[in-house]
Amino acid sequence: MSITPEEEELGRQIRKWAEEYAKDNGFAINPDEKTINIVIRGLARNRINNGEQYCPCRIRSGDPEKDAQIICPCIFHKDEIEKDGICHCRLFVDPGRIG
């Protein structure tokens, strides 16, 4: 599937946001470029198609209140990083556990 110019520009904005968010919160973004590109593309497409930056690795329920929990950064990411060293979508990582 090809990337539209809108997705490409939004992807650049999301990546910049993700890098700043990670830095401000003591995380890092995943150093695996292929993984990051897939996740960011999914975030961009979700924002374009669904109006919000839903985590691409989680399934929306259709209930706006429940789905608000999976807008990136989702409510689960900090616990996942603390427990596993990486969030479920593999976007944010604990820089001390990158190896």
PDB file of N, CA and C in Angstrom:
ATOM      1  N   MET A   1       0.843  -1.172   0.000  1.00  0.00           N
ATOM      2  CA  MET A   1       0.000   0.000   0.000  1.00  0.00           C
ATOM      3  C   MET A   1       0.890   1.237   0.000  1.00  0.00           C
ATOM      4  N   SER A   2       0.595   2.164  -0.880  1.00  0.00           N
ATOM      5  CA  SER A   2       1.427   3.362  -0.980  1.00  0.00           C
ATOM      6  C   SER A   2       1.042   4.387   0.081  1.00  0.00           C
ATOM      7  N   ILE A   3       1.983   5.254   0.371  1.00  0.00           N
ATOM      8  CA  ILE A   3       1.781   6.297   1.372  1.00  0.00           C
ATOM      9  C   ILE A   3       1.376   7.567   0.644  1.00  0.00           C
ATOM     10  N   THR A   4       0.299   8.175   1.101  1.00  0.00           N
ATOM     11  CA  THR A   4      -0.147   9.432   0.493  1.00  0.00           C
ATOM     12  C   THR A   4       0.728  10.576   1.003  1.00  0.00           C
ATOM     13  N   PRO A   5       0.768  11.685   0.269  1.00  0.00           N
ATOM     14  CA  PRO A   5       1.521  12.848   0.751  1.00  0.00           C
ATOM     15  C   PRO A   5       1.016  13.325   2.121  1.00  0.00           C
ATOM     16  N   GLU A   6      -0.288  13.245   2.342  1.00  0.00           N
ATOM     17  CA  GLU A   6      -0.861  13.643   3.635  1.00  0.00           C
ATOM     18  C   GLU A   6      -0.335  12.751   4.757  1.00  0.00           C
ATOM     19  N   GLU A   7      -0.292  11.432   4.510  1.00  0.00           N
ATOM     20  CA  GLU A   7       0.246  10.500   5.507  1.00  0.00           C
ATOM     21  C   GLU A   7       1.723  10.760   5.756  1.00  0.00           C
ATOM     22  N   GLU A   8       2.452  11.054   4.703  1.00  0.00           N
ATOM     23  CA  GLU A   8       3.889  11.306   4.835  1.00  0.00           C
ATOM     24  C   GLU A   8       4.153  12.538   5.707  1.00  0.00           C
ATOM     25  N   GLU A   9       3.441  13.627   5.447  1.00  0.00           N
ATOM     26  CA  GLU A   9       3.620  14.855   6.230  1.00  0.00           C
ATOM     27  C   GLU A   9       3.173  14.644   7.669  1.00  0.00           C
ATOM     28  N   LEU A  10       2.029  14.015   7.844  1.00  0.00           N
ATOM     29  CA  LEU A  10       1.542  13.749   9.195  1.00  0.00           C
ATOM     30  C   LEU A  10       2.494  12.810   9.923  1.00  0.00           C
ATOM     31  N   GLY A  11       3.063  11.857   9.217  1.00  0.00           N
ATOM     32  CA  GLY A  11       4.043  10.947   9.806  1.00  0.00           C
ATOM     33  C   GLY A  11       5.256  11.689  10.338  1.00  0.00           C
ATOM     34  N   ARG A  12       5.726  12.689   9.603  1.00  0.00           N
ATOM     35  CA  ARG A  12       6.857  13.502  10.078  1.00  0.00           C
ATOM     36  C   ARG A  12       6.486  14.246  11.362  1.00  0.00           C
ATOM     37  N   GLN A  13       5.281  14.782  11.387  1.00  0.00           N
ATOM     38  CA  GLN A  13       4.813  15.489  12.585  1.00  0.00           C
ATOM     39  C   GLN A  13       4.686  14.537  13.780  1.00  0.00           C
ATOM     40  N   ILE A  14       4.147  13.361  13.536  1.00  0.00           N
ATOM     41  CA  ILE A  14       3.975  12.383  14.614  1.00  0.00           C
ATOM     42  C   ILE A  14       5.332  11.913  15.129  1.00  0.00           C
ATOM     43  N   ARG A  15       6.259  11.686  14.234  1.00  0.00           N
ATOM     44  CA  ARG A  15       7.590  11.254  14.680  1.00  0.00           C
ATOM     45  C   ARG A  15       8.242  12.318  15.560  1.00  0.00           C
ATOM     46  N   LYS A  16       8.142  13.568  15.146  1.00  0.00           N
ATOM     47  CA  LYS A  16       8.702  14.655  15.943  1.00  0.00           C
ATOM     48  C   LYS A  16       8.031  14.690  17.315  1.00  0.00           C
ATOM     49  N   TRP A  17       6.708  14.580  17.339  1.00  0.00           N
ATOM     50  CA  TRP A  17       5.969  14.551  18.601  1.00  0.00           C
ATOM     51  C   TRP A  17       6.439  13.376  19.458  1.00  0.00           C
ATOM     52  N   ALA A  18       6.561  12.179  18.861  1.00  0.00           N
ATOM     53  CA  ALA A  18       6.950  10.977  19.606  1.00  0.00           C
ATOM     54  C   ALA A  18       8.348  11.138  20.206  1.00  0.00           C
ATOM     55  N   GLU A  19       9.273  11.707  19.439  1.00  0.00           N
ATOM     56  CA  GLU A  19      10.630  11.920  19.945  1.00  0.00           C
ATOM     57  C   GLU A  19      10.624  12.883  21.132  1.00  0.00           C
ATOM     58  N   GLU A  20       9.862  13.966  21.016  1.00  0.00           N
ATOM     59  CA  GLU A  20       9.777  14.942  22.106  1.00  0.00           C
ATOM     60  C   GLU A  20       9.075  14.347  23.328  1.00  0.00           C
ATOM     61  N   TYR A  21       7.985  13.632  23.091  1.00  0.00           N
ATOM     62  CA  TYR A  21       7.249  13.010  24.190  1.00  0.00           C
ATOM     63  C   TYR A  21       8.147  12.018  24.931  1.00  0.00           C
ATOM     64  N   ALA A  22       8.850  11.199  24.178  1.00  0.00           N
ATOM     65  CA  ALA A  22       9.734  10.203  24.793  1.00  0.00           C
ATOM     66  C   ALA A  22      10.796  10.897  25.642  1.00  0.00           C
ATOM     67  N   LYS A  23      11.441  11.895  25.078  1.00  0.00           N
ATOM     68  CA  LYS A  23      12.495  12.613  25.796  1.00  0.00           C
ATOM     69  C   LYS A  23      11.951  13.251  27.074  1.00  0.00           C
ATOM     70  N   ASP A  24      10.793  13.885  26.984  1.00  0.00           N
ATOM     71  CA  ASP A  24      10.192  14.559  28.138  1.00  0.00           C
ATOM     72  C   ASP A  24       9.772  13.590  29.238  1.00  0.00           C
ATOM     73  N   ASN A  25       9.595  12.315  28.894  1.00  0.00           N
ATOM     74  CA  ASN A  25       9.106  11.331  29.856  1.00  0.00           C
ATOM     75  C   ASN A  25      10.131  10.262  30.221  1.00  0.00           C
ATOM     76  N   GLY A  26      11.379  10.461  29.814  1.00  0.00           N
ATOM     77  CA  GLY A  26      12.436   9.523  30.170  1.00  0.00           C
ATOM     78  C   GLY A  26      12.441   8.246  29.358  1.00  0.00           C
ATOM     79  N   PHE A  27      11.762   8.250  28.225  1.00  0.00           N
ATOM     80  CA  PHE A  27      11.752   7.101  27.325  1.00  0.00           C
ATOM     81  C   PHE A  27      12.642   7.406  26.130  1.00  0.00           C
ATOM     82  N   ALA A  28      12.647   6.479  25.198  1.00  0.00           N
ATOM     83  CA  ALA A  28      13.248   6.685  23.888  1.00  0.00           C
ATOM     84  C   ALA A  28      12.274   6.101  22.876  1.00  0.00           C
ATOM     85  N   ILE A  29      12.434   6.476  21.619  1.00  0.00           N
ATOM     86  CA  ILE A  29      11.651   5.760  20.618  1.00  0.00           C
ATOM     87  C   ILE A  29      12.475   4.547  20.195  1.00  0.00           C
ATOM     88  N   ASN A  30      11.792   3.551  19.750  1.00  0.00           N
ATOM     89  CA  ASN A  30      12.422   2.301  19.342  1.00  0.00           C
ATOM     90  C   ASN A  30      13.495   2.599  18.279  1.00  0.00           C
ATOM     91  N   PRO A  31      14.698   2.085  18.449  1.00  0.00           N
ATOM     92  CA  PRO A  31      15.747   2.351  17.460  1.00  0.00           C
ATOM     93  C   PRO A  31      15.565   1.588  16.142  1.00  0.00           C
ATOM     94  N   ASP A  32      14.622   0.659  16.089  1.00  0.00           N
ATOM     95  CA  ASP A  32      14.371  -0.111  14.868  1.00  0.00           C
ATOM     96  C   ASP A  32      13.520   0.732  13.914  1.00  0.00           C
ATOM     97  N   GLU A  33      14.142   1.278  12.895  1.00  0.00           N
ATOM     98  CA  GLU A  33      13.472   2.185  11.959  1.00  0.00           C
ATOM     99  C   GLU A  33      12.279   1.535  11.259  1.00  0.00           C
ATOM    100  N   LYS A  34      12.403   0.271  10.894  1.00  0.00           N
ATOM    101  CA  LYS A  34      11.299  -0.405  10.205  1.00  0.00           C
ATOM    102  C   LYS A  34      10.066  -0.454  11.106  1.00  0.00           C
ATOM    103  N   THR A  35      10.270  -0.807  12.363  1.00  0.00           N
ATOM    104  CA  THR A  35       9.158  -0.868  13.317  1.00  0.00           C
ATOM    105  C   THR A  35       8.552   0.508  13.509  1.00  0.00           C
ATOM    106  N   ILE A  36       9.394   1.512  13.719  1.00  0.00           N
ATOM    107  CA  ILE A  36       8.911   2.876  13.931  1.00  0.00           C
ATOM    108  C   ILE A  36       8.112   3.364  12.736  1.00  0.00           C
ATOM    109  N   ASN A  37       8.593   3.121  11.543  1.00  0.00           N
ATOM    110  CA  ASN A  37       7.879   3.572  10.347  1.00  0.00           C
ATOM    111  C   ASN A  37       6.499   2.937  10.239  1.00  0.00           C
ATOM    112  N   ILE A  38       6.383   1.665  10.580  1.00  0.00           N
ATOM    113  CA  ILE A  38       5.091   0.974  10.532  1.00  0.00           C
ATOM    114  C   ILE A  38       4.137   1.563  11.560  1.00  0.00           C
ATOM    115  N   VAL A  39       4.608   1.768  12.781  1.00  0.00           N
ATOM    116  CA  VAL A  39       3.755   2.301  13.846  1.00  0.00           C
ATOM    117  C   VAL A  39       3.323   3.730  13.510  1.00  0.00           C
ATOM    118  N   ILE A  40       4.252   4.546  13.077  1.00  0.00           N
ATOM    119  CA  ILE A  40       3.929   5.940  12.757  1.00  0.00           C
ATOM    120  C   ILE A  40       2.955   6.011  11.580  1.00  0.00           C
ATOM    121  N   ARG A  41       3.150   5.175  10.593  1.00  0.00           N
ATOM    122  CA  ARG A  41       2.209   5.132   9.464  1.00  0.00           C
ATOM    123  C   ARG A  41       0.810   4.760   9.963  1.00  0.00           C
ATOM    124  N   GLY A  42       0.730   3.801  10.874  1.00  0.00           N
ATOM    125  CA  GLY A  42      -0.564   3.406  11.441  1.00  0.00           C
ATOM    126  C   GLY A  42      -1.208   4.524  12.240  1.00  0.00           C
ATOM    127  N   LEU A  43      -0.403   5.251  13.017  1.00  0.00           N
ATOM    128  CA  LEU A  43      -0.926   6.393  13.774  1.00  0.00           C
ATOM    129  C   LEU A  43      -1.457   7.470  12.832  1.00  0.00           C
ATOM    130  N   ALA A  44      -0.702   7.752  11.776  1.00  0.00           N
ATOM    131  CA  ALA A  44      -1.132   8.762  10.806  1.00  0.00           C
ATOM    132  C   ALA A  44      -2.424   8.346  10.116  1.00  0.00           C
ATOM    133  N   ARG A  45      -2.498   7.111   9.696  1.00  0.00           N
ATOM    134  CA  ARG A  45      -3.718   6.641   9.015  1.00  0.00           C
ATOM    135  C   ARG A  45      -4.917   6.673   9.949  1.00  0.00           C
ATOM    136  N   ASN A  46      -4.697   6.306  11.207  1.00  0.00           N
ATOM    137  CA  ASN A  46      -5.810   6.359  12.160  1.00  0.00           C
ATOM    138  C   ASN A  46      -6.284   7.790  12.365  1.00  0.00           C
ATOM    139  N   ARG A  47      -5.351   8.727  12.436  1.00  0.00           N
ATOM    140  CA  ARG A  47      -5.766  10.123  12.614  1.00  0.00           C
ATOM    141  C   ARG A  47      -6.537  10.608  11.387  1.00  0.00           C
ATOM    142  N   ILE A  48      -6.048  10.278  10.197  1.00  0.00           N
ATOM    143  CA  ILE A  48      -6.721  10.696   8.960  1.00  0.00           C
ATOM    144  C   ILE A  48      -8.085  10.025   8.830  1.00  0.00           C
ATOM    145  N   ASN A  49      -8.143   8.717   9.052  1.00  0.00           N
ATOM    146  CA  ASN A  49      -9.374   7.958   8.818  1.00  0.00           C
ATOM    147  C   ASN A  49     -10.366   7.975   9.975  1.00  0.00           C
ATOM    148  N   ASN A  50      -9.855   8.153  11.203  1.00  0.00           N
ATOM    149  CA  ASN A  50     -10.722   8.026  12.373  1.00  0.00           C
ATOM    150  C   ASN A  50     -10.744   9.257  13.264  1.00  0.00           C
ATOM    151  N   GLY A  51      -9.968  10.280  12.900  1.00  0.00           N
ATOM    152  CA  GLY A  51      -9.999  11.526  13.628  1.00  0.00           C
ATOM    153  C   GLY A  51      -9.158  11.581  14.882  1.00  0.00           C
ATOM    154  N   GLU A  52      -8.562  10.479  15.263  1.00  0.00           N
ATOM    155  CA  GLU A  52      -7.713  10.425  16.451  1.00  0.00           C
ATOM    156  C   GLU A  52      -6.492   9.568  16.149  1.00  0.00           C
ATOM    157  N   GLN A  53      -5.464   9.776  16.937  1.00  0.00           N
ATOM    158  CA  GLN A  53      -4.200   9.055  16.797  1.00  0.00           C
ATOM    159  C   GLN A  53      -4.271   7.761  17.623  1.00  0.00           C
ATOM    160  N   TYR A  54      -5.191   6.870  17.229  1.00  0.00           N
ATOM    161  CA  TYR A  54      -5.359   5.602  17.943  1.00  0.00           C
ATOM    162  C   TYR A  54      -4.136   4.716  17.741  1.00  0.00           C
ATOM    163  N   CYS A  55      -3.746   4.009  18.795  1.00  0.00           N
ATOM    164  CA  CYS A  55      -2.653   3.046  18.677  1.00  0.00           C
ATOM    165  C   CYS A  55      -3.027   2.044  17.584  1.00  0.00           C
ATOM    166  N   PRO A  56      -2.149   1.840  16.613  1.00  0.00           N
ATOM    167  CA  PRO A  56      -2.470   0.935  15.522  1.00  0.00           C
ATOM    168  C   PRO A  56      -2.466  -0.539  15.938  1.00  0.00           C
ATOM    169  N   CYS A  57      -1.939  -0.823  17.108  1.00  0.00           N
ATOM    170  CA  CYS A  57      -1.852  -2.215  17.550  1.00  0.00           C
ATOM    171  C   CYS A  57      -3.022  -2.600  18.458  1.00  0.00           C
ATOM    172  N   ARG A  58      -3.944  -1.708  18.662  1.00  0.00           N
ATOM    173  CA  ARG A  58      -5.100  -1.993  19.517  1.00  0.00           C
ATOM    174  C   ARG A  58      -6.373  -1.838  18.688  1.00  0.00           C
ATOM    175  N   ILE A  59      -7.372  -2.593  19.064  1.00  0.00           N
ATOM    176  CA  ILE A  59      -8.636  -2.601  18.320  1.00  0.00           C
ATOM    177  C   ILE A  59      -9.615  -1.633  18.977  1.00  0.00           C
ATOM    178  N   ARG A  60     -10.146  -0.726  18.174  1.00  0.00           N
ATOM    179  CA  ARG A  60     -11.153   0.197  18.680  1.00  0.00           C
ATOM    180  C   ARG A  60     -12.454  -0.539  18.913  1.00  0.00           C
ATOM    181  N   SER A  61     -13.153  -0.162  19.966  1.00  0.00           N
ATOM    182  CA  SER A  61     -14.406  -0.820  20.324  1.00  0.00           C
ATOM    183  C   SER A  61     -15.615  -0.145  19.695  1.00  0.00           C
ATOM    184  N   GLY A  62     -15.465   1.119  19.322  1.00  0.00           N
ATOM    185  CA  GLY A  62     -16.605   1.890  18.843  1.00  0.00           C
ATOM    186  C   GLY A  62     -17.218   2.738  19.943  1.00  0.00           C
ATOM    187  N   ASP A  63     -16.842   2.473  21.182  1.00  0.00           N
ATOM    188  CA  ASP A  63     -17.296   3.256  22.330  1.00  0.00           C
ATOM    189  C   ASP A  63     -16.286   4.384  22.533  1.00  0.00           C
ATOM    190  N   PRO A  64     -16.690   5.641  22.304  1.00  0.00           N
ATOM    191  CA  PRO A  64     -15.734   6.751  22.395  1.00  0.00           C
ATOM    192  C   PRO A  64     -15.011   6.836  23.742  1.00  0.00           C
ATOM    193  N   GLU A  65     -15.685   6.519  24.823  1.00  0.00           N
ATOM    194  CA  GLU A  65     -15.047   6.580  26.138  1.00  0.00           C
ATOM    195  C   GLU A  65     -13.953   5.524  26.272  1.00  0.00           C
ATOM    196  N   LYS A  66     -14.243   4.305  25.846  1.00  0.00           N
ATOM    197  CA  LYS A  66     -13.234   3.238  25.899  1.00  0.00           C
ATOM    198  C   LYS A  66     -12.104   3.508  24.912  1.00  0.00           C
ATOM    199  N   ASP A  67     -12.470   3.950  23.724  1.00  0.00           N
ATOM    200  CA  ASP A  67     -11.460   4.185  22.680  1.00  0.00           C
ATOM    201  C   ASP A  67     -10.533   5.342  23.032  1.00  0.00           C
ATOM    202  N   ALA A  68     -10.979   6.270  23.859  1.00  0.00           N
ATOM    203  CA  ALA A  68     -10.113   7.375  24.289  1.00  0.00           C
ATOM    204  C   ALA A  68      -8.884   6.842  25.026  1.00  0.00           C
ATOM    205  N   GLN A  69      -9.000   5.658  25.617  1.00  0.00           N
ATOM    206  CA  GLN A  69      -7.894   5.054  26.359  1.00  0.00           C
ATOM    207  C   GLN A  69      -6.767   4.579  25.441  1.00  0.00           C
ATOM    208  N   ILE A  70      -7.059   4.413  24.162  1.00  0.00           N
ATOM    209  CA  ILE A  70      -6.039   3.895  23.249  1.00  0.00           C
ATOM    210  C   ILE A  70      -5.545   4.950  22.261  1.00  0.00           C
ATOM    211  N   ILE A  71      -5.813   6.220  22.558  1.00  0.00           N
ATOM    212  CA  ILE A  71      -5.217   7.293  21.765  1.00  0.00           C
ATOM    213  C   ILE A  71      -3.769   7.411  22.224  1.00  0.00           C
ATOM    214  N   CYS A  72      -2.859   7.368  21.281  1.00  0.00           N
ATOM    215  CA  CYS A  72      -1.436   7.389  21.590  1.00  0.00           C
ATOM    216  C   CYS A  72      -1.021   8.743  22.157  1.00  0.00           C
ATOM    217  N   PRO A  73      -0.342   8.766  23.279  1.00  0.00           N
ATOM    218  CA  PRO A  73       0.109   7.617  24.058  1.00  0.00           C
ATOM    219  C   PRO A  73      -1.044   7.057  24.881  1.00  0.00           C
ATOM    220  N   CYS A  74      -1.263   5.776  24.770  1.00  0.00           N
ATOM    221  CA  CYS A  74      -2.395   5.137  25.432  1.00  0.00           C
ATOM    222  C   CYS A  74      -2.167   5.080  26.950  1.00  0.00           C
ATOM    223  N   ILE A  75      -3.225   4.769  27.667  1.00  0.00           N
ATOM    224  CA  ILE A  75      -3.125   4.737  29.132  1.00  0.00           C
ATOM    225  C   ILE A  75      -2.251   3.586  29.625  1.00  0.00           C
ATOM    226  N   PHE A  76      -1.942   2.653  28.771  1.00  0.00           N
ATOM    227  CA  PHE A  76      -1.194   1.459  29.168  1.00  0.00           C
ATOM    228  C   PHE A  76       0.321   1.587  29.022  1.00  0.00           C
ATOM    229  N   HIS A  77       0.790   2.561  28.234  1.00  0.00           N
ATOM    230  CA  HIS A  77       2.195   2.558  27.806  1.00  0.00           C
ATOM    231  C   HIS A  77       3.198   2.652  28.951  1.00  0.00           C
ATOM    232  N   LYS A  78       2.933   3.447  29.957  1.00  0.00           N
ATOM    233  CA  LYS A  78       3.914   3.600  31.041  1.00  0.00           C
ATOM    234  C   LYS A  78       4.084   2.294  31.823  1.00  0.00           C
ATOM    235  N   ASP A  79       2.979   1.625  32.114  1.00  0.00           N
ATOM    236  CA  ASP A  79       3.061   0.338  32.822  1.00  0.00           C
ATOM    237  C   ASP A  79       3.766  -0.705  31.964  1.00  0.00           C
ATOM    238  N   GLU A  80       3.493  -0.716  30.666  1.00  0.00           N
ATOM    239  CA  GLU A  80       4.132  -1.684  29.772  1.00  0.00           C
ATOM    240  C   GLU A  80       5.636  -1.449  29.690  1.00  0.00           C
ATOM    241  N   ILE A  81       6.026  -0.191  29.608  1.00  0.00           N
ATOM    242  CA  ILE A  81       7.461   0.124  29.539  1.00  0.00           C
ATOM    243  C   ILE A  81       8.141  -0.262  30.839  1.00  0.00           C
ATOM    244  N   GLU A  82       7.482   0.024  31.954  1.00  0.00           N
ATOM    245  CA  GLU A  82       8.063  -0.338  33.249  1.00  0.00           C
ATOM    246  C   GLU A  82       8.212  -1.854  33.379  1.00  0.00           C
ATOM    247  N   LYS A  83       7.196  -2.590  32.950  1.00  0.00           N
ATOM    248  CA  LYS A  83       7.197  -4.044  33.087  1.00  0.00           C
ATOM    249  C   LYS A  83       8.077  -4.741  32.040  1.00  0.00           C
ATOM    250  N   ASP A  84       7.919  -4.335  30.778  1.00  0.00           N
ATOM    251  CA  ASP A  84       8.538  -5.054  29.661  1.00  0.00           C
ATOM    252  C   ASP A  84       9.693  -4.318  28.987  1.00  0.00           C
ATOM    253  N   GLY A  85       9.868  -3.033  29.321  1.00  0.00           N
ATOM    254  CA  GLY A  85      10.912  -2.243  28.684  1.00  0.00           C
ATOM    255  C   GLY A  85      10.491  -1.643  27.361  1.00  0.00           C
ATOM    256  N   ILE A  86       9.247  -1.894  26.946  1.00  0.00           N
ATOM    257  CA  ILE A  86       8.748  -1.415  25.657  1.00  0.00           C
ATOM    258  C   ILE A  86       7.228  -1.414  25.712  1.00  0.00           C
ATOM    259  N   CYS A  87       6.610  -0.461  25.027  1.00  0.00           N
ATOM    260  CA  CYS A  87       5.143  -0.462  25.000  1.00  0.00           C
ATOM    261  C   CYS A  87       4.647  -1.494  23.977  1.00  0.00           C
ATOM    262  N   HIS A  88       3.379  -1.811  24.076  1.00  0.00           N
ATOM    263  CA  HIS A  88       2.771  -2.849  23.229  1.00  0.00           C
ATOM    264  C   HIS A  88       2.987  -2.590  21.735  1.00  0.00           C
ATOM    265  N   CYS A  89       2.874  -1.340  21.318  1.00  0.00           N
ATOM    266  CA  CYS A  89       3.043  -1.005  19.899  1.00  0.00           C
ATOM    267  C   CYS A  89       4.511  -0.972  19.470  1.00  0.00           C
ATOM    268  N   ARG A  90       5.401  -1.006  20.453  1.00  0.00           N
ATOM    269  CA  ARG A  90       6.837  -1.002  20.201  1.00  0.00           C
ATOM    270  C   ARG A  90       7.347   0.370  19.754  1.00  0.00           C
ATOM    271  N   LEU A  91       6.593   1.423  20.106  1.00  0.00           N
ATOM    272  CA  LEU A  91       7.005   2.780  19.759  1.00  0.00           C
ATOM    273  C   LEU A  91       7.954   3.341  20.813  1.00  0.00           C
ATOM    274  N   PHE A  92       7.564   3.250  22.073  1.00  0.00           N
ATOM    275  CA  PHE A  92       8.358   3.803  23.165  1.00  0.00           C
ATOM    276  C   PHE A  92       9.079   2.691  23.913  1.00  0.00           C
ATOM    277  N   VAL A  93      10.329   2.963  24.277  1.00  0.00           N
ATOM    278  CA  VAL A  93      11.149   1.969  24.983  1.00  0.00           C
ATOM    279  C   VAL A  93      11.834   2.618  26.174  1.00  0.00           C
ATOM    280  N   ASP A  94      12.231   1.766  27.110  1.00  0.00           N
ATOM    281  CA  ASP A  94      13.064   2.186  28.223  1.00  0.00           C
ATOM    282  C   ASP A  94      14.488   2.238  27.701  1.00  0.00           C
ATOM    283  N   PRO A  95      15.104   3.418  27.658  1.00  0.00           N
ATOM    284  CA  PRO A  95      16.443   3.505  27.054  1.00  0.00           C
ATOM    285  C   PRO A  95      17.492   2.682  27.796  1.00  0.00           C
ATOM    286  N   GLY A  96      17.256   2.393  29.055  1.00  0.00           N
ATOM    287  CA  GLY A  96      18.186   1.586  29.829  1.00  0.00           C
ATOM    288  C   GLY A  96      18.097   0.096  29.519  1.00  0.00           C
ATOM    289  N   ARG A  97      17.065  -0.278  28.776  1.00  0.00           N
ATOM    290  CA  ARG A  97      16.863  -1.707  28.459  1.00  0.00           C
ATOM    291  C   ARG A  97      17.002  -2.014  26.981  1.00  0.00           C
ATOM    292  N   ILE A  98      17.475  -1.034  26.226  1.00  0.00           N
ATOM    293  CA  ILE A  98      17.720  -1.266  24.795  1.00  0.00           C
ATOM    294  C   ILE A  98      19.031  -2.038  24.681  1.00  0.00           C
ATOM    295  N   GLY A  99      18.985  -3.118  23.959  1.00  0.00           N
ATOM    296  CA  GLY A  99      20.217  -3.877  23.886  1.00  0.00           C
ATOM    297  C   GLY A  99      20.422  -4.581  22.672  1.00  0.00           C
TER     298      GLY A  99
END
